[in-house]
Amino acid sequence: MGLFGKEKMILKLEKDSYKPGETIKGLITLNLKKPIKARKLEIDFIGAIKKFQQGHRYHGQSSADYHMYGSHESMEPFYTFNKTIGNEREYANEDISFEITIPPDVHESEPKSLEKMEGLMKFAQKLGGKPPEKEWYVRVHLDVPMKLDLEKSQKIELLWY
């Protein structure tokens, strides 16, 4: 159940973990009050770095005047593989099955700067931050002109063996 009633879009995947080269199979369920004309329905396979950031303030002249405040996390995509699974048409209450194959060379796409960034984040961790985490997920997006788009995502585990 969504915050304001029934969820408009539900994403179900066949399983939660995959290897490079495997096909992700799933089902999108649309629960719409009335049909919606949309430009397209897309599915994305995304790799992102989850970064944790701690705010810092320095007031004065000694280390006792150094204060940490608040923290937040952000997702910085480093890999996106996109596939259109539905063209411009009217979408209604329906189930739409899909398949998207994870490129076999996906591990080669990891940013070279990730190692350098992890070194910097280890230093930040000493100051109270957390190291970056890589996350992989599947996102479905219904592009609705002149209205709020519908979007749903689900985290998956990418196995390297």
Protein backbone atom coordinates (compact mmCIF):
# COMPACT_ATOMS: atom_id res chain seq x y z
CA MET A 1 0.00 0.00 0.00
CA GLY A 2 1.34 3.44 -0.91
CA LEU A 3 1.27 6.54 1.24
CA PHE A 4 -2.00 7.76 -0.31
CA GLY A 5 -3.65 4.44 -1.16
CA LYS A 6 -2.78 1.79 -3.68
CA GLU A 7 0.67 2.00 -5.30
CA LYS A 8 0.43 3.09 -8.93
CA MET A 9 3.42 1.01 -9.99
CA ILE A 10 4.77 -2.24 -8.56
CA LEU A 11 8.07 -3.81 -9.64
CA LYS A 12 8.69 -7.53 -9.03
CA LEU A 13 11.91 -9.25 -10.03
CA GLU A 14 12.30 -13.00 -10.52
CA LYS A 15 15.21 -13.03 -8.01
CA ASP A 16 17.45 -10.66 -6.06
CA SER A 17 20.97 -11.59 -7.20
CA TYR A 18 22.50 -11.86 -10.67
CA LYS A 19 25.83 -12.40 -12.42
CA PRO A 20 27.17 -10.34 -15.35
CA GLY A 21 25.66 -11.70 -18.57
CA GLU A 22 22.49 -12.95 -16.85
CA THR A 23 19.03 -11.77 -17.83
CA ILE A 24 16.93 -9.96 -15.27
CA LYS A 25 13.28 -10.96 -15.66
CA GLY A 26 10.47 -9.16 -13.95
CA LEU A 27 6.94 -7.87 -13.94
CA ILE A 28 5.62 -4.32 -13.74
CA THR A 29 2.09 -3.94 -12.45
CA LEU A 30 0.31 -0.66 -13.17
CA ASN A 31 -2.60 0.24 -10.83
CA LEU A 32 -3.99 3.42 -12.39
CA LYS A 33 -7.28 5.13 -11.60
CA LYS A 34 -7.62 5.96 -15.28
CA PRO A 35 -5.52 5.32 -18.39
CA ILE A 36 -2.46 7.56 -18.86
CA LYS A 37 -0.87 8.54 -22.15
CA ALA A 38 2.90 8.15 -21.82
CA ARG A 39 5.87 8.72 -24.12
CA LYS A 40 7.62 5.48 -23.17
CA LEU A 41 8.25 2.86 -20.52
CA GLU A 42 11.92 2.26 -19.76
CA ILE A 43 13.95 -0.04 -17.60
CA ASP A 44 17.43 0.83 -16.38
CA PHE A 45 20.19 -1.29 -14.88
CA ILE A 46 22.20 1.12 -12.72
CA GLY A 47 25.40 0.98 -10.73
CA ALA A 48 25.85 3.78 -8.21
CA ILE A 49 28.14 4.75 -5.40
CA LYS A 50 26.37 5.48 -2.15
CA LYS A 51 28.30 8.24 -0.43
CA PHE A 52 27.86 9.29 3.17
CA GLN A 53 28.82 12.83 4.04
CA GLN A 54 29.23 14.40 7.43
CA GLY A 55 29.06 18.15 7.73
CA HIS A 56 31.91 19.93 9.52
CA ARG A 57 32.38 23.40 10.96
CA TYR A 58 35.50 25.02 12.23
CA HIS A 59 35.23 27.99 14.60
CA GLY A 60 38.26 29.35 16.31
CA GLN A 61 41.87 28.35 16.56
CA SER A 62 42.04 24.95 18.27
CA SER A 63 40.82 21.45 17.43
CA ALA A 64 38.27 21.83 20.24
CA ASP A 65 36.54 24.36 18.01
CA TYR A 66 36.01 21.75 15.25
CA HIS A 67 32.41 20.48 15.27
CA MET A 68 30.59 17.82 13.25
CA TYR A 69 26.96 18.36 12.38
CA GLY A 70 24.35 16.50 10.34
CA SER A 71 24.98 13.86 7.73
CA HIS A 72 23.37 12.73 4.53
CA GLU A 73 23.83 10.15 1.83
CA SER A 74 23.75 10.58 -1.91
CA MET A 75 23.82 8.21 -4.87
CA GLU A 76 26.23 8.95 -7.69
CA PRO A 77 25.58 6.73 -10.75
CA PHE A 78 28.68 5.42 -12.51
CA TYR A 79 26.94 2.95 -14.83
CA THR A 80 23.58 2.98 -16.61
CA PHE A 81 22.25 0.49 -19.14
CA ASN A 82 18.87 1.56 -20.51
CA LYS A 83 16.23 -0.35 -22.47
CA THR A 84 12.87 0.91 -23.75
CA ILE A 85 10.22 -1.75 -23.12
CA GLY A 86 7.12 0.21 -24.14
CA ASN A 87 6.57 2.89 -26.76
CA GLU A 88 4.25 5.91 -26.79
CA ARG A 89 0.72 4.77 -26.03
CA GLU A 90 -2.00 4.80 -23.41
CA TYR A 91 -1.14 2.72 -20.33
CA ALA A 92 -3.87 1.38 -18.05
CA ASN A 93 -4.22 -1.24 -15.31
CA GLU A 94 -1.98 -3.95 -16.68
CA ASP A 95 0.91 -6.30 -16.07
CA ILE A 96 3.96 -5.86 -18.27
CA SER A 97 6.70 -8.45 -18.24
CA PHE A 98 10.25 -7.48 -19.19
CA GLU A 99 13.76 -8.78 -19.62
CA ILE A 100 17.04 -6.90 -19.55
CA THR A 101 20.42 -8.59 -19.88
CA ILE A 102 23.29 -7.40 -17.74
CA PRO A 103 26.25 -6.74 -20.04
CA PRO A 104 28.94 -9.40 -19.43
CA ASP A 105 31.66 -6.72 -19.24
CA VAL A 106 29.82 -4.62 -16.63
CA HIS A 107 32.68 -5.00 -14.12
CA GLU A 108 34.97 -3.14 -16.55
CA SER A 109 32.74 -0.08 -16.28
CA GLU A 110 33.53 0.62 -12.65
CA PRO A 111 35.16 4.00 -12.41
CA LYS A 112 38.95 4.00 -12.16
CA SER A 113 38.59 6.93 -9.78
CA LEU A 114 36.70 4.68 -7.35
CA GLU A 115 39.98 3.42 -5.82
CA LYS A 116 41.19 6.99 -5.35
CA MET A 117 37.80 8.01 -3.93
CA GLU A 118 37.82 5.05 -1.52
CA GLY A 119 41.19 6.27 -0.19
CA LEU A 120 39.76 9.72 0.41
CA MET A 121 36.66 8.25 2.01
CA LYS A 122 38.79 6.15 4.39
CA PHE A 123 40.35 9.40 5.52
CA ALA A 124 36.88 10.93 5.88
CA GLN A 125 35.81 7.87 7.86
CA LYS A 126 38.47 8.69 10.42
CA LEU A 127 36.73 12.04 10.81
CA GLY A 128 33.38 10.34 11.45
CA GLY A 129 32.13 9.57 7.92
CA LYS A 130 31.40 6.21 6.27
CA PRO A 131 33.16 4.65 3.27
CA PRO A 132 31.36 4.60 -0.10
CA GLU A 133 29.27 1.56 -1.01
CA LYS A 134 28.54 0.29 -4.51
CA GLU A 135 24.91 -0.54 -5.17
CA TRP A 136 23.22 -2.04 -8.19
CA TYR A 137 19.54 -1.67 -8.91
CA VAL A 138 16.81 -1.92 -11.51
CA ARG A 139 14.64 1.12 -12.11
CA VAL A 140 11.43 1.32 -14.13
CA HIS A 141 10.28 4.68 -15.45
CA LEU A 142 7.00 5.64 -17.15
CA ASP A 143 7.54 8.98 -18.94
CA VAL A 144 4.25 10.90 -18.66
CA PRO A 145 4.24 14.30 -20.40
CA MET A 146 3.01 17.33 -18.41
CA LYS A 147 2.46 15.21 -15.27
CA LEU A 148 4.54 13.44 -12.65
CA ASP A 149 6.34 10.43 -14.08
CA LEU A 150 5.90 7.06 -12.42
CA GLU A 151 9.09 5.44 -11.19
CA LYS A 152 9.98 2.40 -9.14
CA SER A 153 13.33 0.84 -8.31
CA GLN A 154 14.63 -2.26 -6.61
CA LYS A 155 18.12 -2.96 -5.32
CA ILE A 156 19.82 -6.15 -6.53
CA GLU A 157 23.02 -7.95 -5.68
CA LEU A 158 25.57 -8.28 -8.48
CA LEU A 159 27.68 -11.41 -8.00
CA TRP A 160 31.22 -11.45 -9.39
CA TYR A 161 31.85 -15.21 -9.47
